Amino acid sequence: MYYVTVLGLTAAVLSTISFFPQLLKTWKTKSARDISMGMFSIFCAGVFLWLFYGILINNLPVIIANLFTFIQAFIILLLKNKYK
């Protein structure tokens, strides 16, 4: 069962860090013109629900992946709003 958790955590790390380049680019350029507010709003809602689901089933990889993905996506959403 340990290898299943490692697999899940690896997937969580890869999924989560995929948002970091976009976050960094948005922060540095102070431009979020090409980011869809609708898509990121829906995405944040979905990730938040996945986080809640992970908490309910007590699944660490699901919780970690969605917690950090939500934080990054939400920050991008805030920057989109700030840098209209």
PDB file of N, CA and C in Angstrom:
ATOM      1  N   MET A   1       0.812  -1.198   0.000  1.00  0.00           N
ATOM      2  CA  MET A   1       0.000   0.000   0.000  1.00  0.00           C
ATOM      3  C   MET A   1       0.859   1.267   0.000  1.00  0.00           C
ATOM      4  N   TYR A   2       2.066   1.172   0.511  1.00  0.00           N
ATOM      5  CA  TYR A   2       2.964   2.320   0.569  1.00  0.00           C
ATOM      6  C   TYR A   2       3.228   2.890  -0.817  1.00  0.00           C
ATOM      7  N   TYR A   3       3.449   2.027  -1.809  1.00  0.00           N
ATOM      8  CA  TYR A   3       3.747   2.494  -3.159  1.00  0.00           C
ATOM      9  C   TYR A   3       2.573   3.253  -3.775  1.00  0.00           C
ATOM     10  N   VAL A   4       1.361   2.927  -3.386  1.00  0.00           N
ATOM     11  CA  VAL A   4       0.184   3.647  -3.875  1.00  0.00           C
ATOM     12  C   VAL A   4       0.195   5.081  -3.338  1.00  0.00           C
ATOM     13  N   THR A   5       0.556   5.246  -2.074  1.00  0.00           N
ATOM     14  CA  THR A   5       0.652   6.580  -1.479  1.00  0.00           C
ATOM     15  C   THR A   5       1.762   7.379  -2.143  1.00  0.00           C
ATOM     16  N   VAL A   6       2.907   6.748  -2.393  1.00  0.00           N
ATOM     17  CA  VAL A   6       4.020   7.422  -3.065  1.00  0.00           C
ATOM     18  C   VAL A   6       3.592   7.858  -4.470  1.00  0.00           C
ATOM     19  N   LEU A   7       2.895   6.993  -5.170  1.00  0.00           N
ATOM     20  CA  LEU A   7       2.394   7.339  -6.496  1.00  0.00           C
ATOM     21  C   LEU A   7       1.456   8.541  -6.418  1.00  0.00           C
ATOM     22  N   GLY A   8       0.551   8.528  -5.470  1.00  0.00           N
ATOM     23  CA  GLY A   8      -0.383   9.638  -5.294  1.00  0.00           C
ATOM     24  C   GLY A   8       0.319  10.936  -4.935  1.00  0.00           C
ATOM     25  N   LEU A   9       1.304  10.848  -4.047  1.00  0.00           N
ATOM     26  CA  LEU A   9       2.049  12.050  -3.662  1.00  0.00           C
ATOM     27  C   LEU A   9       2.873  12.590  -4.832  1.00  0.00           C
ATOM     28  N   THR A  10       3.430  11.710  -5.638  1.00  0.00           N
ATOM     29  CA  THR A  10       4.188  12.136  -6.822  1.00  0.00           C
ATOM     30  C   THR A  10       3.264  12.855  -7.806  1.00  0.00           C
ATOM     31  N   ALA A  11       2.096  12.284  -8.043  1.00  0.00           N
ATOM     32  CA  ALA A  11       1.109  12.936  -8.905  1.00  0.00           C
ATOM     33  C   ALA A  11       0.703  14.289  -8.323  1.00  0.00           C
ATOM     34  N   ALA A  12       0.551  14.358  -7.007  1.00  0.00           N
ATOM     35  CA  ALA A  12       0.180  15.598  -6.340  1.00  0.00           C
ATOM     36  C   ALA A  12       1.234  16.673  -6.551  1.00  0.00           C
ATOM     37  N   VAL A  13       2.499  16.300  -6.390  1.00  0.00           N
ATOM     38  CA  VAL A  13       3.591  17.262  -6.564  1.00  0.00           C
ATOM     39  C   VAL A  13       3.626  17.779  -8.000  1.00  0.00           C
ATOM     40  N   LEU A  14       3.560  16.879  -8.972  1.00  0.00           N
ATOM     41  CA  LEU A  14       3.620  17.289 -10.372  1.00  0.00           C
ATOM     42  C   LEU A  14       2.437  18.175 -10.754  1.00  0.00           C
ATOM     43  N   SER A  15       1.245  17.807 -10.317  1.00  0.00           N
ATOM     44  CA  SER A  15       0.058  18.608 -10.624  1.00  0.00           C
ATOM     45  C   SER A  15       0.146  19.988  -9.983  1.00  0.00           C
ATOM     46  N   THR A  16       0.641  20.017  -8.770  1.00  0.00           N
ATOM     47  CA  THR A  16       0.706  21.269  -8.033  1.00  0.00           C
ATOM     48  C   THR A  16       1.747  22.214  -8.608  1.00  0.00           C
ATOM     49  N   ILE A  17       2.942  21.714  -8.908  1.00  0.00           N
ATOM     50  CA  ILE A  17       3.986  22.610  -9.408  1.00  0.00           C
ATOM     51  C   ILE A  17       3.711  23.090 -10.825  1.00  0.00           C
ATOM     52  N   SER A  18       2.763  22.463 -11.507  1.00  0.00           N
ATOM     53  CA  SER A  18       2.448  22.901 -12.868  1.00  0.00           C
ATOM     54  C   SER A  18       1.870  24.317 -12.890  1.00  0.00           C
ATOM     55  N   PHE A  19       1.303  24.775 -11.804  1.00  0.00           N
ATOM     56  CA  PHE A  19       0.741  26.123 -11.751  1.00  0.00           C
ATOM     57  C   PHE A  19       1.775  27.182 -11.387  1.00  0.00           C
ATOM     58  N   PHE A  20       2.899  26.767 -10.841  1.00  0.00           N
ATOM     59  CA  PHE A  20       3.884  27.737 -10.362  1.00  0.00           C
ATOM     60  C   PHE A  20       4.438  28.634 -11.472  1.00  0.00           C
ATOM     61  N   PRO A  21       4.794  28.096 -12.656  1.00  0.00           N
ATOM     62  CA  PRO A  21       5.292  28.993 -13.707  1.00  0.00           C
ATOM     63  C   PRO A  21       4.284  30.083 -14.100  1.00  0.00           C
ATOM     64  N   GLN A  22       3.004  29.740 -14.160  1.00  0.00           N
ATOM     65  CA  GLN A  22       1.986  30.744 -14.491  1.00  0.00           C
ATOM     66  C   GLN A  22       1.875  31.784 -13.390  1.00  0.00           C
ATOM     67  N   LEU A  23       1.914  31.334 -12.150  1.00  0.00           N
ATOM     68  CA  LEU A  23       1.850  32.252 -11.019  1.00  0.00           C
ATOM     69  C   LEU A  23       3.041  33.202 -11.043  1.00  0.00           C
ATOM     70  N   LEU A  24       4.229  32.659 -11.252  1.00  0.00           N
ATOM     71  CA  LEU A  24       5.443  33.468 -11.291  1.00  0.00           C
ATOM     72  C   LEU A  24       5.408  34.466 -12.443  1.00  0.00           C
ATOM     73  N   LYS A  25       4.980  34.020 -13.620  1.00  0.00           N
ATOM     74  CA  LYS A  25       4.908  34.911 -14.786  1.00  0.00           C
ATOM     75  C   LYS A  25       3.905  36.032 -14.549  1.00  0.00           C
ATOM     76  N   THR A  26       2.758  35.709 -13.992  1.00  0.00           N
ATOM     77  CA  THR A  26       1.737  36.721 -13.722  1.00  0.00           C
ATOM     78  C   THR A  26       2.245  37.726 -12.708  1.00  0.00           C
ATOM     79  N   TRP A  27       2.929  37.238 -11.710  1.00  0.00           N
ATOM     80  CA  TRP A  27       3.474  38.109 -10.648  1.00  0.00           C
ATOM     81  C   TRP A  27       4.542  39.033 -11.224  1.00  0.00           C
ATOM     82  N   LYS A  28       5.473  38.484 -12.011  1.00  0.00           N
ATOM     83  CA  LYS A  28       6.583  39.284 -12.552  1.00  0.00           C
ATOM     84  C   LYS A  28       6.131  40.302 -13.585  1.00  0.00           C
ATOM     85  N   THR A  29       5.266  39.883 -14.502  1.00  0.00           N
ATOM     86  CA  THR A  29       4.848  40.780 -15.583  1.00  0.00           C
ATOM     87  C   THR A  29       3.711  41.704 -15.177  1.00  0.00           C
ATOM     88  N   LYS A  30       3.078  41.402 -14.062  1.00  0.00           N
ATOM     89  CA  LYS A  30       1.913  42.150 -13.593  1.00  0.00           C
ATOM     90  C   LYS A  30       0.841  42.226 -14.687  1.00  0.00           C
ATOM     91  N   SER A  31       0.727  41.111 -15.401  1.00  0.00           N
ATOM     92  CA  SER A  31      -0.273  41.012 -16.463  1.00  0.00           C
ATOM     93  C   SER A  31      -0.939  39.646 -16.393  1.00  0.00           C
ATOM     94  N   ALA A  32      -2.253  39.676 -16.435  1.00  0.00           N
ATOM     95  CA  ALA A  32      -3.021  38.438 -16.439  1.00  0.00           C
ATOM     96  C   ALA A  32      -4.055  38.485 -17.554  1.00  0.00           C
ATOM     97  N   ARG A  33      -3.742  39.241 -18.579  1.00  0.00           N
ATOM     98  CA  ARG A  33      -4.673  39.472 -19.682  1.00  0.00           C
ATOM     99  C   ARG A  33      -5.110  38.175 -20.357  1.00  0.00           C
ATOM    100  N   ASP A  34      -4.185  37.222 -20.507  1.00  0.00           N
ATOM    101  CA  ASP A  34      -4.490  35.990 -21.228  1.00  0.00           C
ATOM    102  C   ASP A  34      -5.136  34.911 -20.362  1.00  0.00           C
ATOM    103  N   ILE A  35      -5.372  35.204 -19.100  1.00  0.00           N
ATOM    104  CA  ILE A  35      -5.971  34.227 -18.192  1.00  0.00           C
ATOM    105  C   ILE A  35      -7.478  34.443 -18.156  1.00  0.00           C
ATOM    106  N   SER A  36      -8.220  33.373 -18.323  1.00  0.00           N
ATOM    107  CA  SER A  36      -9.683  33.449 -18.314  1.00  0.00           C
ATOM    108  C   SER A  36     -10.201  33.474 -16.878  1.00  0.00           C
ATOM    109  N   MET A  37     -10.896  34.556 -16.528  1.00  0.00           N
ATOM    110  CA  MET A  37     -11.470  34.686 -15.192  1.00  0.00           C
ATOM    111  C   MET A  37     -12.511  33.590 -14.953  1.00  0.00           C
ATOM    112  N   GLY A  38     -13.326  33.325 -15.955  1.00  0.00           N
ATOM    113  CA  GLY A  38     -14.347  32.289 -15.812  1.00  0.00           C
ATOM    114  C   GLY A  38     -13.739  30.920 -15.586  1.00  0.00           C
ATOM    115  N   MET A  39     -12.735  30.574 -16.377  1.00  0.00           N
ATOM    116  CA  MET A  39     -12.093  29.258 -16.254  1.00  0.00           C
ATOM    117  C   MET A  39     -11.433  29.105 -14.883  1.00  0.00           C
ATOM    118  N   PHE A  40     -10.691  30.119 -14.454  1.00  0.00           N
ATOM    119  CA  PHE A  40     -10.011  30.006 -13.168  1.00  0.00           C
ATOM    120  C   PHE A  40     -10.992  30.021 -12.005  1.00  0.00           C
ATOM    121  N   SER A  41     -12.106  30.728 -12.134  1.00  0.00           N
ATOM    122  CA  SER A  41     -13.123  30.712 -11.073  1.00  0.00           C
ATOM    123  C   SER A  41     -13.727  29.318 -10.926  1.00  0.00           C
ATOM    124  N   ILE A  42     -14.096  28.730 -12.057  1.00  0.00           N
ATOM    125  CA  ILE A  42     -14.659  27.379 -12.027  1.00  0.00           C
ATOM    126  C   ILE A  42     -13.613  26.376 -11.548  1.00  0.00           C
ATOM    127  N   PHE A  43     -12.384  26.537 -12.016  1.00  0.00           N
ATOM    128  CA  PHE A  43     -11.310  25.634 -11.603  1.00  0.00           C
ATOM    129  C   PHE A  43     -11.093  25.699 -10.097  1.00  0.00           C
ATOM    130  N   CYS A  44     -11.044  26.915  -9.542  1.00  0.00           N
ATOM    131  CA  CYS A  44     -10.854  27.073  -8.095  1.00  0.00           C
ATOM    132  C   CYS A  44     -11.987  26.406  -7.320  1.00  0.00           C
ATOM    133  N   ALA A  45     -13.211  26.555  -7.792  1.00  0.00           N
ATOM    134  CA  ALA A  45     -14.340  25.912  -7.126  1.00  0.00           C
ATOM    135  C   ALA A  45     -14.189  24.391  -7.169  1.00  0.00           C
ATOM    136  N   GLY A  46     -13.804  23.859  -8.314  1.00  0.00           N
ATOM    137  CA  GLY A  46     -13.612  22.415  -8.440  1.00  0.00           C
ATOM    138  C   GLY A  46     -12.499  21.891  -7.558  1.00  0.00           C
ATOM    139  N   VAL A  47     -11.387  22.599  -7.529  1.00  0.00           N
ATOM    140  CA  VAL A  47     -10.256  22.177  -6.695  1.00  0.00           C
ATOM    141  C   VAL A  47     -10.624  22.253  -5.222  1.00  0.00           C
ATOM    142  N   PHE A  48     -11.374  23.286  -4.845  1.00  0.00           N
ATOM    143  CA  PHE A  48     -11.813  23.394  -3.456  1.00  0.00           C
ATOM    144  C   PHE A  48     -12.688  22.202  -3.078  1.00  0.00           C
ATOM    145  N   LEU A  49     -13.571  21.801  -3.981  1.00  0.00           N
ATOM    146  CA  LEU A  49     -14.418  20.636  -3.701  1.00  0.00           C
ATOM    147  C   LEU A  49     -13.599  19.352  -3.624  1.00  0.00           C
ATOM    148  N   TRP A  50     -12.581  19.219  -4.474  1.00  0.00           N
ATOM    149  CA  TRP A  50     -11.677  18.064  -4.374  1.00  0.00           C
ATOM    150  C   TRP A  50     -10.951  18.062  -3.032  1.00  0.00           C
ATOM    151  N   LEU A  51     -10.541  19.242  -2.575  1.00  0.00           N
ATOM    152  CA  LEU A  51      -9.886  19.360  -1.268  1.00  0.00           C
ATOM    153  C   LEU A  51     -10.836  18.901  -0.165  1.00  0.00           C
ATOM    154  N   PHE A  52     -12.050  19.372  -0.200  1.00  0.00           N
ATOM    155  CA  PHE A  52     -13.055  18.984   0.790  1.00  0.00           C
ATOM    156  C   PHE A  52     -13.294  17.474   0.741  1.00  0.00           C
ATOM    157  N   TYR A  53     -13.377  16.928  -0.454  1.00  0.00           N
ATOM    158  CA  TYR A  53     -13.546  15.477  -0.634  1.00  0.00           C
ATOM    159  C   TYR A  53     -12.359  14.723  -0.024  1.00  0.00           C
ATOM    160  N   GLY A  54     -11.149  15.183  -0.302  1.00  0.00           N
ATOM    161  CA  GLY A  54      -9.961  14.548   0.257  1.00  0.00           C
ATOM    162  C   GLY A  54      -9.964  14.544   1.774  1.00  0.00           C
ATOM    163  N   ILE A  55     -10.434  15.649   2.349  1.00  0.00           N
ATOM    164  CA  ILE A  55     -10.529  15.729   3.814  1.00  0.00           C
ATOM    165  C   ILE A  55     -11.559  14.723   4.330  1.00  0.00           C
ATOM    166  N   LEU A  56     -12.690  14.650   3.646  1.00  0.00           N
ATOM    167  CA  LEU A  56     -13.747  13.733   4.083  1.00  0.00           C
ATOM    168  C   LEU A  56     -13.318  12.268   4.025  1.00  0.00           C
ATOM    169  N   ILE A  57     -12.540  11.903   3.003  1.00  0.00           N
ATOM    170  CA  ILE A  57     -12.102  10.506   2.900  1.00  0.00           C
ATOM    171  C   ILE A  57     -10.732  10.293   3.537  1.00  0.00           C
ATOM    172  N   ASN A  58     -10.153  11.367   4.089  1.00  0.00           N
ATOM    173  CA  ASN A  58      -8.869  11.303   4.774  1.00  0.00           C
ATOM    174  C   ASN A  58      -7.768  10.727   3.877  1.00  0.00           C
ATOM    175  N   ASN A  59      -7.641  11.323   2.668  1.00  0.00           N
ATOM    176  CA  ASN A  59      -6.660  10.864   1.697  1.00  0.00           C
ATOM    177  C   ASN A  59      -5.588  11.933   1.534  1.00  0.00           C
ATOM    178  N   LEU A  60      -4.401  11.683   2.090  1.00  0.00           N
ATOM    179  CA  LEU A  60      -3.332  12.671   2.127  1.00  0.00           C
ATOM    180  C   LEU A  60      -2.925  13.182   0.749  1.00  0.00           C
ATOM    181  N   PRO A  61      -2.692  12.327  -0.257  1.00  0.00           N
ATOM    182  CA  PRO A  61      -2.314  12.858  -1.567  1.00  0.00           C
ATOM    183  C   PRO A  61      -3.374  13.790  -2.165  1.00  0.00           C
ATOM    184  N   VAL A  62      -4.631  13.456  -2.019  1.00  0.00           N
ATOM    185  CA  VAL A  62      -5.714  14.305  -2.545  1.00  0.00           C
ATOM    186  C   VAL A  62      -5.744  15.633  -1.795  1.00  0.00           C
ATOM    187  N   ILE A  63      -5.572  15.585  -0.490  1.00  0.00           N
ATOM    188  CA  ILE A  63      -5.584  16.806   0.325  1.00  0.00           C
ATOM    189  C   ILE A  63      -4.414  17.715  -0.052  1.00  0.00           C
ATOM    190  N   ILE A  64      -3.211  17.163  -0.080  1.00  0.00           N
ATOM    191  CA  ILE A  64      -2.018  17.967  -0.369  1.00  0.00           C
ATOM    192  C   ILE A  64      -2.092  18.573  -1.761  1.00  0.00           C
ATOM    193  N   ALA A  65      -2.397  17.749  -2.751  1.00  0.00           N
ATOM    194  CA  ALA A  65      -2.441  18.242  -4.128  1.00  0.00           C
ATOM    195  C   ALA A  65      -3.434  19.380  -4.272  1.00  0.00           C
ATOM    196  N   ASN A  66      -4.611  19.196  -3.736  1.00  0.00           N
ATOM    197  CA  ASN A  66      -5.657  20.186  -3.930  1.00  0.00           C
ATOM    198  C   ASN A  66      -5.497  21.408  -3.050  1.00  0.00           C
ATOM    199  N   LEU A  67      -4.903  21.256  -1.887  1.00  0.00           N
ATOM    200  CA  LEU A  67      -4.638  22.417  -1.036  1.00  0.00           C
ATOM    201  C   LEU A  67      -3.669  23.373  -1.727  1.00  0.00           C
ATOM    202  N   PHE A  68      -2.540  22.846  -2.168  1.00  0.00           N
ATOM    203  CA  PHE A  68      -1.530  23.713  -2.784  1.00  0.00           C
ATOM    204  C   PHE A  68      -1.945  24.191  -4.173  1.00  0.00           C
ATOM    205  N   THR A  69      -2.654  23.371  -4.914  1.00  0.00           N
ATOM    206  CA  THR A  69      -3.162  23.806  -6.214  1.00  0.00           C
ATOM    207  C   THR A  69      -4.186  24.918  -6.035  1.00  0.00           C
ATOM    208  N   PHE A  70      -5.077  24.759  -5.043  1.00  0.00           N
ATOM    209  CA  PHE A  70      -6.075  25.800  -4.776  1.00  0.00           C
ATOM    210  C   PHE A  70      -5.401  27.112  -4.398  1.00  0.00           C
ATOM    211  N   ILE A  71      -4.404  27.053  -3.537  1.00  0.00           N
ATOM    212  CA  ILE A  71      -3.714  28.275  -3.109  1.00  0.00           C
ATOM    213  C   ILE A  71      -3.128  28.994  -4.318  1.00  0.00           C
ATOM    214  N   GLN A  72      -2.405  28.260  -5.173  1.00  0.00           N
ATOM    215  CA  GLN A  72      -1.790  28.878  -6.345  1.00  0.00           C
ATOM    216  C   GLN A  72      -2.832  29.421  -7.320  1.00  0.00           C
ATOM    217  N   ALA A  73      -3.853  28.629  -7.616  1.00  0.00           N
ATOM    218  CA  ALA A  73      -4.878  29.060  -8.562  1.00  0.00           C
ATOM    219  C   ALA A  73      -5.647  30.267  -8.021  1.00  0.00           C
ATOM    220  N   PHE A  74      -5.902  30.268  -6.721  1.00  0.00           N
ATOM    221  CA  PHE A  74      -6.616  31.385  -6.118  1.00  0.00           C
ATOM    222  C   PHE A  74      -5.770  32.661  -6.171  1.00  0.00           C
ATOM    223  N   ILE A  75      -4.468  32.528  -5.944  1.00  0.00           N
ATOM    224  CA  ILE A  75      -3.583  33.696  -6.046  1.00  0.00           C
ATOM    225  C   ILE A  75      -3.581  34.220  -7.481  1.00  0.00           C
ATOM    226  N   ILE A  76      -3.533  33.316  -8.465  1.00  0.00           N
ATOM    227  CA  ILE A  76      -3.598  33.739  -9.867  1.00  0.00           C
ATOM    228  C   ILE A  76      -4.917  34.468 -10.127  1.00  0.00           C
ATOM    229  N   LEU A  77      -5.988  33.961  -9.578  1.00  0.00           N
ATOM    230  CA  LEU A  77      -7.303  34.598  -9.722  1.00  0.00           C
ATOM    231  C   LEU A  77      -7.293  35.999  -9.099  1.00  0.00           C
ATOM    232  N   LEU A  78      -6.688  36.124  -7.933  1.00  0.00           N
ATOM    233  CA  LEU A  78      -6.577  37.453  -7.295  1.00  0.00           C
ATOM    234  C   LEU A  78      -5.725  38.401  -8.129  1.00  0.00           C
ATOM    235  N   LEU A  79      -4.624  37.879  -8.685  1.00  0.00           N
ATOM    236  CA  LEU A  79      -3.775  38.719  -9.533  1.00  0.00           C
ATOM    237  C   LEU A  79      -4.498  39.119 -10.808  1.00  0.00           C
ATOM    238  N   LYS A  80      -5.297  38.217 -11.352  1.00  0.00           N
ATOM    239  CA  LYS A  80      -6.108  38.536 -12.528  1.00  0.00           C
ATOM    240  C   LYS A  80      -7.027  39.708 -12.211  1.00  0.00           C
ATOM    241  N   ASN A  81      -7.624  39.685 -11.051  1.00  0.00           N
ATOM    242  CA  ASN A  81      -8.512  40.759 -10.633  1.00  0.00           C
ATOM    243  C   ASN A  81      -7.730  42.063 -10.383  1.00  0.00           C
ATOM    244  N   LYS A  82      -6.548  41.933  -9.823  1.00  0.00           N
ATOM    245  CA  LYS A  82      -5.730  43.112  -9.502  1.00  0.00           C
ATOM    246  C   LYS A  82      -5.151  43.764 -10.754  1.00  0.00           C
ATOM    247  N   TYR A  83      -4.673  42.954 -11.696  1.00  0.00           N
ATOM    248  CA  TYR A  83      -3.993  43.474 -12.897  1.00  0.00           C
ATOM    249  C   TYR A  83      -4.917  43.484 -14.108  1.00  0.00           C
ATOM    250  N   LYS A  84      -6.131  43.955 -13.957  1.00  0.00           N
ATOM    251  CA  LYS A  84      -7.110  43.980 -15.054  1.00  0.00           C
ATOM    252  C   LYS A  84      -6.567  44.724 -16.252  1.00  0.00           C
TER     253      LYS A  84
END
